[in-house]
PDB file of N, CA and C in Angstrom:
ATOM      1  N   MET A   1       0.883  -1.390   0.095  1.00  0.00           N
ATOM      2  CA  MET A   1       0.012   0.094   0.145  1.00  0.00           C
ATOM      3  C   MET A   1       1.034   1.124   0.237  1.00  0.00           C
ATOM      4  N   PHE A   2       2.051   1.284   0.938  1.00  0.00           N
ATOM      5  CA  PHE A   2       2.943   2.090   1.084  1.00  0.00           C
ATOM      6  C   PHE A   2       3.891   2.729  -0.470  1.00  0.00           C
ATOM      7  N   MET A   3       3.769   1.350  -1.454  1.00  0.00           N
ATOM      8  CA  MET A   3       4.297   1.942  -2.549  1.00  0.00           C
ATOM      9  C   MET A   3       3.941   1.865  -3.299  1.00  0.00           C
ATOM     10  N   ARG A   4       2.747   1.586  -3.564  1.00  0.00           N
ATOM     11  CA  ARG A   4       0.968   2.705  -4.694  1.00  0.00           C
ATOM     12  C   ARG A   4       1.049   3.904  -4.262  1.00  0.00           C
ATOM     13  N   LYS A   5       1.165   4.345  -2.488  1.00  0.00           N
ATOM     14  CA  LYS A   5       1.056   5.863  -2.732  1.00  0.00           C
ATOM     15  C   LYS A   5       1.833   6.851  -3.329  1.00  0.00           C
ATOM     16  N   SER A   6       3.040   5.925  -2.974  1.00  0.00           N
ATOM     17  CA  SER A   6       4.274   6.607  -3.332  1.00  0.00           C
ATOM     18  C   SER A   6       4.414   7.175  -4.974  1.00  0.00           C
ATOM     19  N   LEU A   7       4.295   5.807  -5.585  1.00  0.00           N
ATOM     20  CA  LEU A   7       3.997   5.933  -7.029  1.00  0.00           C
ATOM     21  C   LEU A   7       3.591   6.340  -7.554  1.00  0.00           C
ATOM     22  N   VAL A   8       2.291   7.236  -7.009  1.00  0.00           N
ATOM     23  CA  VAL A   8       0.618   8.035  -7.206  1.00  0.00           C
ATOM     24  C   VAL A   8       1.605   8.963  -6.499  1.00  0.00           C
ATOM     25  N   PHE A   9       2.288   9.537  -5.960  1.00  0.00           N
ATOM     26  CA  PHE A   9       3.191  10.631  -5.775  1.00  0.00           C
ATOM     27  C   PHE A   9       3.760  11.341  -6.283  1.00  0.00           C
ATOM     28  N   LEU A  10       5.078  10.374  -6.593  1.00  0.00           N
ATOM     29  CA  LEU A  10       6.000  10.235  -7.953  1.00  0.00           C
ATOM     30  C   LEU A  10       5.530  10.190  -9.601  1.00  0.00           C
ATOM     31  N   SER A  11       4.220  10.383  -9.363  1.00  0.00           N
ATOM     32  CA  SER A  11       3.460  10.220 -11.268  1.00  0.00           C
ATOM     33  C   SER A  11       3.377  11.680 -10.997  1.00  0.00           C
ATOM     34  N   LEU A  12       2.670  12.303 -10.132  1.00  0.00           N
ATOM     35  CA  LEU A  12       1.753  13.070  -9.961  1.00  0.00           C
ATOM     36  C   LEU A  12       2.762  14.544  -9.808  1.00  0.00           C
ATOM     37  N   GLY A  13       4.109  14.293  -8.771  1.00  0.00           N
ATOM     38  CA  GLY A  13       4.705  15.461  -9.146  1.00  0.00           C
ATOM     39  C   GLY A  13       6.332  15.958 -10.141  1.00  0.00           C
ATOM     40  N   THR A  14       6.084  14.072 -11.489  1.00  0.00           N
ATOM     41  CA  THR A  14       6.385  14.221 -12.746  1.00  0.00           C
ATOM     42  C   THR A  14       5.794  15.182 -13.347  1.00  0.00           C
ATOM     43  N   MET A  15       4.398  14.757 -13.448  1.00  0.00           N
ATOM     44  CA  MET A  15       3.404  15.337 -14.461  1.00  0.00           C
ATOM     45  C   MET A  15       3.518  16.955 -14.195  1.00  0.00           C
ATOM     46  N   ALA A  16       3.542  17.327 -12.865  1.00  0.00           N
ATOM     47  CA  ALA A  16       3.506  19.192 -12.611  1.00  0.00           C
ATOM     48  C   ALA A  16       4.638  19.438 -12.779  1.00  0.00           C
ATOM     49  N   ALA A  17       5.528  19.212 -12.758  1.00  0.00           N
ATOM     50  CA  ALA A  17       7.009  19.624 -13.315  1.00  0.00           C
ATOM     51  C   ALA A  17       6.776  19.337 -14.518  1.00  0.00           C
ATOM     52  N   CYS A  18       6.872  18.148 -15.588  1.00  0.00           N
ATOM     53  CA  CYS A  18       6.915  18.109 -17.253  1.00  0.00           C
ATOM     54  C   CYS A  18       6.100  19.734 -17.241  1.00  0.00           C
ATOM     55  N   THR A  19       4.599  20.242 -16.961  1.00  0.00           N
ATOM     56  CA  THR A  19       4.284  21.135 -17.032  1.00  0.00           C
ATOM     57  C   THR A  19       4.163  21.890 -17.249  1.00  0.00           C
ATOM     58  N   PHE A  20       5.428  22.442 -16.202  1.00  0.00           N
ATOM     59  CA  PHE A  20       5.104  23.966 -15.464  1.00  0.00           C
ATOM     60  C   PHE A  20       6.628  24.187 -16.403  1.00  0.00           C
ATOM     61  N   LEU A  21       7.889  23.050 -16.669  1.00  0.00           N
ATOM     62  CA  LEU A  21       8.879  22.874 -17.293  1.00  0.00           C
ATOM     63  C   LEU A  21       7.636  23.985 -19.559  1.00  0.00           C
ATOM     64  N   GLY A  22       7.327  22.759 -19.245  1.00  0.00           N
ATOM     65  CA  GLY A  22       6.805  22.907 -20.635  1.00  0.00           C
ATOM     66  C   GLY A  22       6.236  24.275 -20.955  1.00  0.00           C
ATOM     67  N   ILE A  23       5.308  24.770 -19.359  1.00  0.00           N
ATOM     68  CA  ILE A  23       5.059  26.109 -19.879  1.00  0.00           C
ATOM     69  C   ILE A  23       6.050  27.035 -19.883  1.00  0.00           C
ATOM     70  N   PHE A  24       7.024  27.149 -19.352  1.00  0.00           N
ATOM     71  CA  PHE A  24       7.610  28.231 -19.460  1.00  0.00           C
ATOM     72  C   PHE A  24       9.218  27.660 -20.969  1.00  0.00           C
ATOM     73  N   ILE A  25       8.994  27.029 -20.753  1.00  0.00           N
ATOM     74  CA  ILE A  25       9.291  26.690 -22.402  1.00  0.00           C
ATOM     75  C   ILE A  25       9.067  27.199 -23.087  1.00  0.00           C
ATOM     76  N   LEU A  26       7.559  27.197 -23.783  1.00  0.00           N
ATOM     77  CA  LEU A  26       6.552  27.726 -24.544  1.00  0.00           C
ATOM     78  C   LEU A  26       6.907  29.091 -24.223  1.00  0.00           C
ATOM     79  N   ASN A  27       6.993  29.642 -23.317  1.00  0.00           N
ATOM     80  CA  ASN A  27       6.947  31.236 -22.724  1.00  0.00           C
ATOM     81  C   ASN A  27       8.063  31.449 -23.461  1.00  0.00           C
ATOM     82  N   ALA A  28       9.086  31.556 -22.830  1.00  0.00           N
ATOM     83  CA  ALA A  28      10.019  31.869 -23.593  1.00  0.00           C
ATOM     84  C   ALA A  28       9.958  31.561 -24.467  1.00  0.00           C
ATOM     85  N   LEU A  29      10.167  31.087 -25.760  1.00  0.00           N
ATOM     86  CA  LEU A  29      10.238  31.151 -26.757  1.00  0.00           C
ATOM     87  C   LEU A  29       8.865  32.038 -27.905  1.00  0.00           C
ATOM     88  N   ALA A  30       8.012  32.081 -27.124  1.00  0.00           N
ATOM     89  CA  ALA A  30       7.001  33.197 -27.520  1.00  0.00           C
ATOM     90  C   ALA A  30       6.603  34.293 -27.372  1.00  0.00           C
ATOM     91  N   LYS A  31       7.684  34.873 -26.709  1.00  0.00           N
ATOM     92  CA  LYS A  31       8.096  36.565 -26.662  1.00  0.00           C
ATOM     93  C   LYS A  31       8.670  36.895 -27.935  1.00  0.00           C
ATOM     94  N   GLU A  32       8.056  37.931 -28.224  1.00  0.00           N
ATOM     95  CA  GLU A  32       8.021  38.839 -29.452  1.00  0.00           C
ATOM     96  C   GLU A  32       9.774  39.628 -29.182  1.00  0.00           C
ATOM     97  N   PRO A  33      10.306  39.161 -30.093  1.00  0.00           N
ATOM     98  CA  PRO A  33      11.328  40.090 -30.324  1.00  0.00           C
ATOM     99  C   PRO A  33      11.300  42.172 -29.838  1.00  0.00           C
ATOM    100  N   PRO A  34      12.343  42.318 -29.398  1.00  0.00           N
ATOM    101  CA  PRO A  34      11.804  43.825 -28.632  1.00  0.00           C
ATOM    102  C   PRO A  34      11.508  44.725 -30.046  1.00  0.00           C
ATOM    103  N   ARG A  35      10.471  45.742 -29.563  1.00  0.00           N
ATOM    104  CA  ARG A  35      10.530  46.384 -31.087  1.00  0.00           C
ATOM    105  C   ARG A  35      12.186  47.375 -30.942  1.00  0.00           C
ATOM    106  N   PRO A  36      12.546  48.127 -32.450  1.00  0.00           N
ATOM    107  CA  PRO A  36      13.617  48.869 -32.370  1.00  0.00           C
ATOM    108  C   PRO A  36      13.019  50.364 -31.899  1.00  0.00           C
ATOM    109  N   LYS A  37      14.184  50.944 -31.691  1.00  0.00           N
ATOM    110  CA  LYS A  37      13.648  52.018 -30.599  1.00  0.00           C
ATOM    111  C   LYS A  37      13.453  52.710 -32.129  1.00  0.00           C
ATOM    112  N   THR A  38      12.748  53.901 -31.971  1.00  0.00           N
ATOM    113  CA  THR A  38      12.310  54.857 -33.169  1.00  0.00           C
ATOM    114  C   THR A  38      12.586  56.413 -32.505  1.00  0.00           C
ATOM    115  N   VAL A  39      13.532  57.123 -32.912  1.00  0.00           N
ATOM    116  CA  VAL A  39      13.450  58.113 -32.832  1.00  0.00           C
ATOM    117  C   VAL A  39      11.702  59.478 -33.875  1.00  0.00           C
ATOM    118  N   SER A  40      11.858  60.393 -33.438  1.00  0.00           N
ATOM    119  CA  SER A  40      10.912  61.720 -33.231  1.00  0.00           C
ATOM    120  C   SER A  40      11.092  62.368 -34.551  1.00  0.00           C
ATOM    121  N   TYR A  41      10.519  62.923 -35.610  1.00  0.00           N
ATOM    122  CA  TYR A  41      10.805  63.861 -36.202  1.00  0.00           C
ATOM    123  C   TYR A  41       9.721  64.444 -36.572  1.00  0.00           C
ATOM    124  N   TYR A  42       9.878  66.143 -36.576  1.00  0.00           N
ATOM    125  CA  TYR A  42       8.486  66.763 -37.171  1.00  0.00           C
ATOM    126  C   TYR A  42       8.745  67.544 -38.446  1.00  0.00           C
ATOM    127  N   THR A  43       7.708  67.950 -39.489  1.00  0.00           N
ATOM    128  CA  THR A  43       7.724  68.934 -40.655  1.00  0.00           C
ATOM    129  C   THR A  43       6.565  69.853 -40.210  1.00  0.00           C
ATOM    130  N   CYS A  44       6.088  70.063 -41.870  1.00  0.00           N
ATOM    131  CA  CYS A  44       5.087  70.713 -41.987  1.00  0.00           C
ATOM    132  C   CYS A  44       4.283  70.303 -43.227  1.00  0.00           C
ATOM    133  N   ILE A  45       3.405  70.189 -43.281  1.00  0.00           N
ATOM    134  CA  ILE A  45       2.699  69.389 -44.621  1.00  0.00           C
ATOM    135  C   ILE A  45       1.404  70.761 -44.844  1.00  0.00           C
ATOM    136  N   GLN A  46       1.200  70.499 -46.119  1.00  0.00           N
ATOM    137  CA  GLN A  46       0.174  72.093 -47.042  1.00  0.00           C
ATOM    138  C   GLN A  46      -1.154  70.676 -46.218  1.00  0.00           C
ATOM    139  N   ILE A  47      -2.046  71.342 -45.962  1.00  0.00           N
ATOM    140  CA  ILE A  47      -3.150  71.076 -45.650  1.00  0.00           C
ATOM    141  C   ILE A  47      -4.437  70.738 -47.026  1.00  0.00           C
ATOM    142  N   GLN A  48      -4.493  69.039 -48.063  1.00  0.00           N
ATOM    143  CA  GLN A  48      -5.598  68.968 -49.203  1.00  0.00           C
ATOM    144  C   GLN A  48      -6.503  68.927 -48.658  1.00  0.00           C
ATOM    145  N   PRO A  49      -7.266  69.171 -50.042  1.00  0.00           N
ATOM    146  CA  PRO A  49      -8.856  68.986 -49.996  1.00  0.00           C
ATOM    147  C   PRO A  49      -8.941  67.253 -49.527  1.00  0.00           C
ATOM    148  N   GLY A  50      -9.747  67.397 -49.168  1.00  0.00           N
ATOM    149  CA  GLY A  50     -10.062  65.943 -48.100  1.00  0.00           C
ATOM    150  C   GLY A  50      -9.730  65.505 -46.978  1.00  0.00           C
ATOM    151  N   ASP A  51      -8.523  66.096 -46.402  1.00  0.00           N
ATOM    152  CA  ASP A  51      -7.545  65.926 -45.158  1.00  0.00           C
ATOM    153  C   ASP A  51      -8.527  66.013 -43.957  1.00  0.00           C
ATOM    154  N   THR A  52      -8.397  65.793 -43.343  1.00  0.00           N
ATOM    155  CA  THR A  52      -8.419  66.071 -41.643  1.00  0.00           C
ATOM    156  C   THR A  52      -7.602  65.512 -40.616  1.00  0.00           C
ATOM    157  N   LEU A  53      -7.991  65.993 -39.640  1.00  0.00           N
ATOM    158  CA  LEU A  53      -6.850  65.689 -38.651  1.00  0.00           C
ATOM    159  C   LEU A  53      -6.957  63.904 -38.609  1.00  0.00           C
ATOM    160  N   TRP A  54      -7.618  63.708 -38.267  1.00  0.00           N
ATOM    161  CA  TRP A  54      -8.090  62.170 -38.217  1.00  0.00           C
ATOM    162  C   TRP A  54      -7.663  61.798 -39.175  1.00  0.00           C
ATOM    163  N   SER A  55      -7.934  61.868 -40.097  1.00  0.00           N
ATOM    164  CA  SER A  55      -6.628  60.774 -41.940  1.00  0.00           C
ATOM    165  C   SER A  55      -5.839  61.475 -41.808  1.00  0.00           C
ATOM    166  N   ILE A  56      -5.128  62.296 -41.267  1.00  0.00           N
ATOM    167  CA  ILE A  56      -3.943  62.280 -41.353  1.00  0.00           C
ATOM    168  C   ILE A  56      -3.182  61.671 -39.868  1.00  0.00           C
ATOM    169  N   ALA A  57      -4.137  62.056 -39.137  1.00  0.00           N
ATOM    170  CA  ALA A  57      -3.162  61.292 -38.097  1.00  0.00           C
ATOM    171  C   ALA A  57      -3.379  59.563 -38.101  1.00  0.00           C
ATOM    172  N   GLU A  58      -4.138  59.216 -39.117  1.00  0.00           N
ATOM    173  CA  GLU A  58      -3.930  57.842 -39.631  1.00  0.00           C
ATOM    174  C   GLU A  58      -2.739  57.196 -40.289  1.00  0.00           C
ATOM    175  N   VAL A  59      -2.141  57.920 -41.131  1.00  0.00           N
ATOM    176  CA  VAL A  59      -1.498  58.181 -42.306  1.00  0.00           C
ATOM    177  C   VAL A  59       0.001  58.305 -40.730  1.00  0.00           C
ATOM    178  N   TYR A  60       0.008  58.623 -40.239  1.00  0.00           N
ATOM    179  CA  TYR A  60       1.050  59.469 -39.067  1.00  0.00           C
ATOM    180  C   TYR A  60       1.155  58.289 -38.236  1.00  0.00           C
ATOM    181  N   THR A  61       0.600  57.070 -37.625  1.00  0.00           N
ATOM    182  CA  THR A  61       0.436  56.372 -36.499  1.00  0.00           C
ATOM    183  C   THR A  61       0.959  55.238 -37.457  1.00  0.00           C
ATOM    184  N   GLU A  62       0.466  55.103 -38.425  1.00  0.00           N
ATOM    185  CA  GLU A  62       0.470  53.621 -38.936  1.00  0.00           C
ATOM    186  C   GLU A  62       2.157  53.216 -38.653  1.00  0.00           C
ATOM    187  N   GLY A  63       2.112  51.510 -37.975  1.00  0.00           N
ATOM    188  CA  GLY A  63       3.716  50.898 -37.874  1.00  0.00           C
ATOM    189  C   GLY A  63       3.756  51.992 -36.722  1.00  0.00           C
ATOM    190  N   THR A  64       3.120  52.615 -35.712  1.00  0.00           N
ATOM    191  CA  THR A  64       3.702  53.153 -33.971  1.00  0.00           C
ATOM    192  C   THR A  64       2.455  52.376 -33.289  1.00  0.00           C
ATOM    193  N   ASP A  65       3.032  52.321 -31.570  1.00  0.00           N
ATOM    194  CA  ASP A  65       2.549  52.679 -30.573  1.00  0.00           C
ATOM    195  C   ASP A  65       1.197  53.554 -30.351  1.00  0.00           C
ATOM    196  N   ILE A  66       0.825  54.270 -31.451  1.00  0.00           N
ATOM    197  CA  ILE A  66       0.437  55.644 -30.931  1.00  0.00           C
ATOM    198  C   ILE A  66      -1.247  55.448 -31.922  1.00  0.00           C
ATOM    199  N   THR A  67      -1.934  55.873 -30.422  1.00  0.00           N
ATOM    200  CA  THR A  67      -3.317  55.680 -31.327  1.00  0.00           C
ATOM    201  C   THR A  67      -3.872  57.103 -32.153  1.00  0.00           C
ATOM    202  N   VAL A  68      -4.587  56.377 -32.594  1.00  0.00           N
ATOM    203  CA  VAL A  68      -5.106  57.419 -33.892  1.00  0.00           C
ATOM    204  C   VAL A  68      -5.338  58.773 -32.840  1.00  0.00           C
ATOM    205  N   GLU A  69      -6.185  58.463 -31.888  1.00  0.00           N
ATOM    206  CA  GLU A  69      -6.792  59.568 -31.034  1.00  0.00           C
ATOM    207  C   GLU A  69      -5.663  60.170 -30.287  1.00  0.00           C
ATOM    208  N   ASP A  70      -4.667  59.437 -29.720  1.00  0.00           N
ATOM    209  CA  ASP A  70      -3.821  60.563 -29.158  1.00  0.00           C
ATOM    210  C   ASP A  70      -2.975  61.614 -30.124  1.00  0.00           C
ATOM    211  N   TYR A  71      -2.716  60.695 -31.340  1.00  0.00           N
ATOM    212  CA  TYR A  71      -2.210  61.509 -32.106  1.00  0.00           C
ATOM    213  C   TYR A  71      -2.481  62.404 -32.602  1.00  0.00           C
ATOM    214  N   VAL A  72      -4.282  62.502 -32.946  1.00  0.00           N
ATOM    215  CA  VAL A  72      -5.552  64.023 -33.015  1.00  0.00           C
ATOM    216  C   VAL A  72      -4.590  64.597 -31.516  1.00  0.00           C
ATOM    217  N   LYS A  73      -4.674  64.139 -30.747  1.00  0.00           N
ATOM    218  CA  LYS A  73      -4.799  65.088 -29.530  1.00  0.00           C
ATOM    219  C   LYS A  73      -3.142  65.849 -29.120  1.00  0.00           C
ATOM    220  N   GLN A  74      -2.352  65.362 -30.423  1.00  0.00           N
ATOM    221  CA  GLN A  74      -1.054  65.636 -30.459  1.00  0.00           C
ATOM    222  C   GLN A  74      -0.640  67.078 -31.099  1.00  0.00           C
ATOM    223  N   LEU A  75      -1.281  66.656 -32.453  1.00  0.00           N
ATOM    224  CA  LEU A  75      -1.641  67.378 -33.229  1.00  0.00           C
ATOM    225  C   LEU A  75      -2.499  68.748 -33.089  1.00  0.00           C
ATOM    226  N   LYS A  76      -3.646  68.150 -32.408  1.00  0.00           N
ATOM    227  CA  LYS A  76      -4.495  69.389 -31.306  1.00  0.00           C
ATOM    228  C   LYS A  76      -3.044  70.651 -31.295  1.00  0.00           C
ATOM    229  N   GLN A  77      -2.284  69.724 -29.532  1.00  0.00           N
ATOM    230  CA  GLN A  77      -1.824  70.544 -29.059  1.00  0.00           C
ATOM    231  C   GLN A  77      -0.798  71.435 -29.838  1.00  0.00           C
ATOM    232  N   MET A  78       0.086  70.928 -30.925  1.00  0.00           N
ATOM    233  CA  MET A  78       1.565  70.762 -31.870  1.00  0.00           C
ATOM    234  C   MET A  78       0.776  72.724 -32.451  1.00  0.00           C
ATOM    235  N   ASN A  79       0.094  72.278 -32.789  1.00  0.00           N
ATOM    236  CA  ASN A  79      -0.414  73.379 -33.474  1.00  0.00           C
ATOM    237  C   ASN A  79      -1.508  74.140 -33.421  1.00  0.00           C
ATOM    238  N   GLN A  80      -2.297  74.086 -31.762  1.00  0.00           N
ATOM    239  CA  GLN A  80      -2.902  74.942 -31.346  1.00  0.00           C
ATOM    240  C   GLN A  80      -4.305  75.383 -31.767  1.00  0.00           C
ATOM    241  N   ILE A  81      -4.926  74.195 -31.797  1.00  0.00           N
ATOM    242  CA  ILE A  81      -5.920  74.042 -32.817  1.00  0.00           C
ATOM    243  C   ILE A  81      -6.758  73.821 -31.783  1.00  0.00           C
ATOM    244  N   GLY A  82      -7.798  74.579 -31.644  1.00  0.00           N
ATOM    245  CA  GLY A  82      -9.289  74.023 -30.642  1.00  0.00           C
ATOM    246  C   GLY A  82     -10.012  73.462 -30.978  1.00  0.00           C
ATOM    247  N   GLU A  83     -10.684  72.982 -32.516  1.00  0.00           N
ATOM    248  CA  GLU A  83     -11.573  72.230 -33.053  1.00  0.00           C
ATOM    249  C   GLU A  83     -10.851  71.185 -33.752  1.00  0.00           C
ATOM    250  N   ASP A  84     -11.628  70.642 -34.567  1.00  0.00           N
ATOM    251  CA  ASP A  84     -10.946  69.408 -35.692  1.00  0.00           C
ATOM    252  C   ASP A  84     -10.763  69.346 -37.155  1.00  0.00           C
ATOM    253  N   THR A  85     -11.546  71.650 -36.893  1.00  0.00           N
ATOM    254  CA  THR A  85     -11.680  71.540 -38.179  1.00  0.00           C
ATOM    255  C   THR A  85     -10.145  72.063 -39.184  1.00  0.00           C
ATOM    256  N   ILE A  86     -10.356  71.720 -39.695  1.00  0.00           N
ATOM    257  CA  ILE A  86      -9.231  72.160 -40.521  1.00  0.00           C
ATOM    258  C   ILE A  86      -9.348  72.894 -42.195  1.00  0.00           C
ATOM    259  N   HIS A  87      -8.226  73.627 -42.825  1.00  0.00           N
ATOM    260  CA  HIS A  87      -8.851  74.221 -43.937  1.00  0.00           C
ATOM    261  C   HIS A  87      -7.317  73.916 -44.774  1.00  0.00           C
ATOM    262  N   VAL A  88      -7.936  73.799 -46.271  1.00  0.00           N
ATOM    263  CA  VAL A  88      -7.096  73.466 -47.080  1.00  0.00           C
ATOM    264  C   VAL A  88      -6.778  75.072 -47.655  1.00  0.00           C
ATOM    265  N   GLY A  89      -5.112  74.893 -47.533  1.00  0.00           N
ATOM    266  CA  GLY A  89      -3.557  75.659 -48.720  1.00  0.00           C
ATOM    267  C   GLY A  89      -3.147  75.956 -47.122  1.00  0.00           C
ATOM    268  N   ASN A  90      -3.556  75.608 -45.805  1.00  0.00           N
ATOM    269  CA  ASN A  90      -2.975  76.688 -44.293  1.00  0.00           C
ATOM    270  C   ASN A  90      -1.584  74.782 -44.329  1.00  0.00           C
ATOM    271  N   TYR A  91      -0.748  75.523 -43.699  1.00  0.00           N
ATOM    272  CA  TYR A  91       0.198  74.174 -43.206  1.00  0.00           C
ATOM    273  C   TYR A  91      -0.116  73.723 -41.448  1.00  0.00           C
ATOM    274  N   LEU A  92       0.466  72.504 -41.265  1.00  0.00           N
ATOM    275  CA  LEU A  92       0.303  71.749 -40.066  1.00  0.00           C
ATOM    276  C   LEU A  92       1.505  70.764 -39.692  1.00  0.00           C
ATOM    277  N   THR A  93       2.184  71.144 -38.525  1.00  0.00           N
ATOM    278  CA  THR A  93       3.116  70.446 -37.901  1.00  0.00           C
ATOM    279  C   THR A  93       2.254  69.541 -37.762  1.00  0.00           C
ATOM    280  N   VAL A  94       3.260  68.483 -38.305  1.00  0.00           N
ATOM    281  CA  VAL A  94       2.882  66.538 -37.819  1.00  0.00           C
ATOM    282  C   VAL A  94       4.966  65.837 -37.167  1.00  0.00           C
ATOM    283  N   MET A  95       4.337  65.035 -36.555  1.00  0.00           N
ATOM    284  CA  MET A  95       5.540  64.435 -35.745  1.00  0.00           C
ATOM    285  C   MET A  95       5.186  63.048 -36.511  1.00  0.00           C
ATOM    286  N   TYR A  96       6.721  62.747 -37.034  1.00  0.00           N
ATOM    287  CA  TYR A  96       6.681  61.062 -37.940  1.00  0.00           C
ATOM    288  C   TYR A  96       7.761  60.245 -36.880  1.00  0.00           C
ATOM    289  N   GLN A  97       7.947  59.228 -37.315  1.00  0.00           N
ATOM    290  CA  GLN A  97       9.021  57.945 -36.458  1.00  0.00           C
ATOM    291  C   GLN A  97       9.691  57.572 -36.681  1.00  0.00           C
ATOM    292  N   CYS A  98      10.891  57.032 -36.740  1.00  0.00           N
ATOM    293  CA  CYS A  98      11.157  56.414 -37.418  1.00  0.00           C
ATOM    294  C   CYS A  98      12.827  55.217 -36.810  1.00  0.00           C
ATOM    295  N   SER A  99      13.079  54.599 -36.758  1.00  0.00           N
ATOM    296  CA  SER A  99      13.860  53.204 -36.241  1.00  0.00           C
ATOM    297  C   SER A  99      15.468  54.060 -36.343  1.00  0.00           C
ATOM    298  N   GLU A 100      15.854  53.641 -34.961  1.00  0.00           N
ATOM    299  CA  GLU A 100      17.180  54.153 -34.974  1.00  0.00           C
ATOM    300  C   GLU A 100      17.748  53.545 -36.351  1.00  0.00           C
ATOM    301  N   LYS A 101      17.421  52.650 -37.047  1.00  0.00           N
ATOM    302  CA  LYS A 101      18.277  52.290 -37.651  1.00  0.00           C
ATOM    303  C   LYS A 101      18.096  52.541 -38.899  1.00  0.00           C
ATOM    304  N   GLN A 102      16.823  52.930 -39.857  1.00  0.00           N
ATOM    305  CA  GLN A 102      16.843  53.839 -40.705  1.00  0.00           C
ATOM    306  C   GLN A 102      17.084  55.101 -41.071  1.00  0.00           C
ATOM    307  N   THR A 103      17.188  55.777 -39.105  1.00  0.00           N
ATOM    308  CA  THR A 103      18.441  57.207 -38.936  1.00  0.00           C
ATOM    309  C   THR A 103      19.700  57.201 -39.644  1.00  0.00           C
ATOM    310  N   GLU A 104      19.908  55.986 -38.898  1.00  0.00           N
ATOM    311  CA  GLU A 104      21.620  55.504 -38.854  1.00  0.00           C
ATOM    312  C   GLU A 104      21.837  55.295 -40.994  1.00  0.00           C
ATOM    313  N   ALA A 105      20.855  54.677 -41.397  1.00  0.00           N
ATOM    314  CA  ALA A 105      21.322  54.425 -42.884  1.00  0.00           C
ATOM    315  C   ALA A 105      21.211  55.582 -44.009  1.00  0.00           C
ATOM    316  N   VAL A 106      20.353  56.646 -43.269  1.00  0.00           N
ATOM    317  CA  VAL A 106      20.019  58.083 -43.590  1.00  0.00           C
ATOM    318  C   VAL A 106      21.601  58.492 -43.956  1.00  0.00           C
ATOM    319  N   GLU A 107      22.027  58.455 -42.635  1.00  0.00           N
ATOM    320  CA  GLU A 107      23.375  59.825 -42.078  1.00  0.00           C
ATOM    321  C   GLU A 107      24.295  59.160 -42.734  1.00  0.00           C
ATOM    322  N   ASP A 108      24.344  58.170 -43.374  1.00  0.00           N
ATOM    323  CA  ASP A 108      25.453  57.742 -43.675  1.00  0.00           C
ATOM    324  C   ASP A 108      26.162  57.680 -45.061  1.00  0.00           C
TER     325      ASP A 108
END
């Protein structure tokens, strides 16, 4: 009887250890590689027919961690705009991001 209980506990312990080890290995393999560091730049663009703060934000947030909503807030703050209305022909300061590797390639 003692031998049977020992064998059951040993089997359960082995299964638990294998489970935790498997989870640890899968988590280690599943991690995404770190994103390259980005550098922010600013430029001015001329507002074209059909442009809105939201459409401009969609273009300049593509591939970044910034949400369109947050970018629109930044645009308003940078350009001292109180409303969502912008006018064709006016200029708008926008921010865009490049990875450090892209920046180094341009400088070389």
